[in-house]
Structure formats: structure tokens, C-alpha cells
Amino acid sequence: MSNAILNMPVTPWWKQRWPWLLMLGPASVMVATSYTAWLAIKTPDAEVVGDYYKQGKAINQDLRRDRVAAQLGLSMTLGYDAATGALSGRINRNDTGPLMLHLAHATQPEKDLKLMLVPDADGHFSVALPMLERSRWVVLVEGGKREWRLAGAWVWPANHGITLLPD
């Protein structure tokens, strides 16, 4: 019996499949670690607010503007038509001054959009807009002098339109 074992052909380790299968786990971890390190180096860190007290005071100003919008009884409807590439809507207010519309992307600030809206006498407006990305958008509408604001969240295209009411 010992003679039969000694006469078996011996193959080198690199021709066996088990060492390669055992090395596959650590090799995949090394690749994943390299990719994670590359992401950490290439992606900028989120900025931390240095003056949090000043930011808190700014929140109080925003709340004041929400109360002004409620006192004025403002509301706004907004919709996007992908076929025509137009963002249109209506606001119920008496003056016809310009409006500032800010569409903030949920995760990528470089995709934020700021638009100037000029409603007609009935409050209707329409503005050309390139293809709106499928995302959750934070919508902020302000008066020309920033004395009031309407805000809300819009998931497009799940919701074709949004109605903004004062909080």
C-alpha cells in the first residue's frame, strides 16, 4: 500500500483548484478595499457648518417667512411636462412681481436649479426646463424681496405635480 501512494503522480500546487479557491476570498476583499479607498479619496467630504448658532437664527427667519405666506393665504401648483420640456403652474397672489424657484436635488447639490418665474395677471407661469432628472426634489418658492416662501418635497416622475402650501 505504501508503494501505491509513492507511485501516484504529484502535481504542483498551482495546478490544483483548492488553493485558488481559498485565495479567492482574500483577493476579493483586497479589490473591494482598494475601490473603497479610491471612493474615499475622490469624493469630497460633506461640509460642517462652522457657525451653528448663526444657522439656527437663519432657521427662525425662514419660519417667519412661512408665517407671512400663511397670512397672505398663498398656495402654488407646479408641474413638469417632459414631452414639451416645460415647467408650468399657478400661484394665487395679488401682485405680479417675479418669483424665485429653487429646485434642490436631494443628494447632489451640483444638480440644483434656480429659475426666475414671471407669472401673468392670473398667476399662471411657464418656463422651459431641460429634462428633469428622476429624483426627490426640495422645492422652494420665494417672493422677489424674499419676504415669504413656500416649500415642499416633490418626487418626480412618481408625482407629476406638486401643490405648495404654507406650513
Protein backbone atom coordinates (compact mmCIF):
# COMPACT_ATOMS: atom_id res chain seq x y z
CA MET A 1 0.00 0.00 0.00
CA SER A 2 2.77 2.40 0.73
CA ASN A 3 4.22 1.58 -2.64
CA ALA A 4 0.96 2.65 -4.38
CA ILE A 5 1.00 6.03 -2.62
CA LEU A 6 4.58 6.65 -3.59
CA ASN A 7 3.88 5.89 -7.25
CA MET A 8 0.98 8.42 -7.54
CA PRO A 9 1.83 11.34 -9.79
CA VAL A 10 2.44 14.55 -7.86
CA THR A 11 1.11 17.75 -9.43
CA PRO A 12 2.39 21.16 -8.38
CA TRP A 13 0.18 23.25 -6.09
CA TRP A 14 -0.67 25.86 -8.75
CA LYS A 15 -2.34 23.20 -10.86
CA GLN A 16 -4.70 22.27 -8.05
CA ARG A 17 -8.03 24.13 -7.79
CA TRP A 18 -8.33 24.26 -3.96
CA PRO A 19 -5.51 26.77 -3.30
CA TRP A 20 -7.02 29.10 -5.91
CA LEU A 21 -10.49 28.74 -4.44
CA LEU A 22 -9.13 29.51 -0.97
CA MET A 23 -7.29 32.59 -2.27
CA LEU A 24 -10.39 33.93 -3.99
CA GLY A 25 -11.91 35.28 -0.73
CA PRO A 26 -8.93 37.38 0.40
CA ALA A 27 -8.32 38.60 -3.17
CA SER A 28 -11.91 39.87 -3.49
CA VAL A 29 -11.59 41.65 -0.13
CA MET A 30 -8.42 43.37 -1.36
CA VAL A 31 -10.19 44.56 -4.53
CA ALA A 32 -13.16 45.86 -2.51
CA THR A 33 -10.81 47.65 -0.10
CA SER A 34 -8.98 49.32 -2.97
CA TYR A 35 -12.26 50.51 -4.50
CA THR A 36 -13.49 51.86 -1.16
CA ALA A 37 -10.21 53.72 -0.63
CA TRP A 38 -10.47 55.21 -4.13
CA LEU A 39 -14.03 56.40 -3.38
CA ALA A 40 -12.92 57.94 -0.08
CA ILE A 41 -10.11 59.87 -1.77
CA LYS A 42 -12.08 61.05 -4.83
CA THR A 43 -15.38 62.01 -3.12
CA PRO A 44 -15.32 65.33 -1.23
CA ASP A 45 -16.37 65.30 2.39
CA ALA A 46 -19.60 67.00 3.44
CA GLU A 47 -19.04 70.45 4.82
CA VAL A 48 -19.63 71.03 8.50
CA VAL A 49 -21.25 74.31 9.44
CA GLY A 50 -18.78 76.34 11.45
CA ASP A 51 -21.26 78.78 12.98
CA TYR A 52 -24.22 76.65 14.02
CA TYR A 53 -25.73 79.49 16.09
CA LYS A 54 -25.96 81.69 13.01
CA GLN A 55 -27.59 78.80 11.11
CA GLY A 56 -30.15 78.47 13.92
CA LYS A 57 -31.02 82.14 13.65
CA ALA A 58 -31.47 81.73 9.88
CA ILE A 59 -33.97 78.92 10.52
CA ASN A 60 -36.04 81.33 12.62
CA GLN A 61 -36.05 83.78 9.69
CA ASP A 62 -37.31 81.01 7.39
CA LEU A 63 -40.11 80.20 9.84
CA ARG A 64 -41.09 83.88 9.87
CA ARG A 65 -41.33 83.84 6.08
CA ASP A 66 -43.54 80.73 6.27
CA ARG A 67 -45.90 82.59 8.62
CA VAL A 68 -46.06 85.56 6.21
CA ALA A 69 -47.04 83.18 3.38
CA ALA A 70 -49.78 81.73 5.59
CA GLN A 71 -51.08 85.21 6.46
CA LEU A 72 -51.21 86.09 2.75
CA GLY A 73 -53.04 82.82 2.01
CA LEU A 74 -50.55 81.82 -0.68
CA SER A 75 -50.52 78.49 -2.46
CA MET A 76 -48.90 77.27 -5.64
CA THR A 77 -49.29 74.37 -8.05
CA LEU A 78 -46.33 73.22 -10.07
CA GLY A 79 -45.98 70.55 -12.76
CA TYR A 80 -43.47 69.37 -15.33
CA ASP A 81 -44.31 68.11 -18.81
CA ALA A 82 -41.40 66.04 -20.16
CA ALA A 83 -42.83 65.99 -23.70
CA THR A 84 -42.68 69.78 -24.06
CA GLY A 85 -39.84 70.37 -21.60
CA ALA A 86 -41.85 73.00 -19.72
CA LEU A 87 -42.31 73.63 -16.03
CA SER A 88 -45.63 75.37 -15.51
CA GLY A 89 -48.00 76.22 -12.72
CA ARG A 90 -50.10 78.82 -10.98
CA ILE A 91 -49.74 80.91 -7.83
CA ASN A 92 -52.59 82.71 -6.13
CA ARG A 93 -51.40 86.15 -5.16
CA ASN A 94 -52.32 89.74 -5.97
CA ASP A 95 -49.01 91.25 -7.06
CA THR A 96 -47.38 90.17 -10.32
CA GLY A 97 -43.72 90.51 -9.42
CA PRO A 98 -41.13 87.86 -10.26
CA LEU A 99 -40.68 84.72 -8.20
CA MET A 100 -37.55 82.76 -7.40
CA LEU A 101 -37.89 78.99 -7.75
CA HIS A 102 -35.19 76.75 -6.33
CA LEU A 103 -35.27 73.04 -7.13
CA ALA A 104 -32.74 71.36 -4.86
CA HIS A 105 -31.60 67.83 -5.72
CA ALA A 106 -31.84 65.50 -2.75
CA THR A 107 -28.25 64.25 -2.85
CA GLN A 108 -26.22 66.16 -5.45
CA PRO A 109 -26.04 69.95 -4.96
CA GLU A 110 -24.39 70.47 -8.36
CA LYS A 111 -27.71 69.47 -9.97
CA ASP A 112 -29.72 72.17 -8.18
CA LEU A 113 -31.75 74.51 -10.39
CA LYS A 114 -32.60 78.17 -9.76
CA LEU A 115 -35.22 79.73 -12.00
CA MET A 116 -36.85 83.15 -12.25
CA LEU A 117 -40.60 82.88 -12.78
CA VAL A 118 -42.74 85.77 -14.05
CA PRO A 119 -46.45 84.98 -13.59
CA ASP A 120 -49.11 86.72 -15.68
CA ALA A 121 -52.06 88.65 -14.21
CA ASP A 122 -53.91 85.41 -13.38
CA GLY A 123 -50.83 83.92 -11.68
CA HIS A 124 -50.00 81.41 -14.45
CA PHE A 125 -46.40 80.88 -15.48
CA SER A 126 -44.37 78.59 -17.70
CA VAL A 127 -40.62 78.23 -18.16
CA ALA A 128 -38.51 75.99 -20.39
CA LEU A 129 -36.58 73.40 -18.43
CA PRO A 130 -34.22 70.70 -19.71
CA MET A 131 -35.08 67.14 -18.81
CA LEU A 132 -35.80 66.96 -15.09
CA GLU A 133 -33.89 64.10 -13.51
CA ARG A 134 -35.80 61.34 -11.76
CA SER A 135 -35.25 62.21 -8.14
CA ARG A 136 -36.65 63.68 -4.99
CA TRP A 137 -36.54 67.47 -5.27
CA VAL A 138 -36.88 70.01 -2.49
CA VAL A 139 -38.91 72.89 -3.94
CA LEU A 140 -38.59 76.42 -2.57
CA VAL A 141 -40.51 79.41 -3.97
CA GLU A 142 -39.80 82.91 -2.70
CA GLY A 143 -41.14 86.34 -3.42
CA GLY A 144 -38.92 88.81 -5.26
CA LYS A 145 -37.90 90.50 -1.99
CA ARG A 146 -37.72 87.20 -0.06
CA GLU A 147 -40.49 88.34 2.27
CA TRP A 148 -42.35 85.00 2.08
CA ARG A 149 -41.67 81.43 1.00
CA LEU A 150 -43.44 78.21 0.11
CA ALA A 151 -41.59 74.93 0.42
CA GLY A 152 -42.21 71.24 -0.17
CA ALA A 153 -40.78 67.96 -1.40
CA TRP A 154 -41.52 66.59 -4.88
CA VAL A 155 -40.71 63.11 -6.16
CA TRP A 156 -40.65 63.31 -9.95
CA PRO A 157 -41.91 61.45 -12.05
CA ALA A 158 -43.84 59.49 -9.42
CA ASN A 159 -45.81 62.71 -8.82
CA HIS A 160 -46.39 64.72 -11.99
CA GLY A 161 -47.17 67.83 -10.00
CA ILE A 162 -46.98 69.34 -6.53
CA THR A 163 -49.08 71.77 -4.54
CA LEU A 164 -47.16 74.02 -2.18
CA LEU A 165 -48.99 75.28 0.88
CA PRO A 166 -47.62 77.38 3.75
CA ASP A 167 -46.63 75.39 6.82
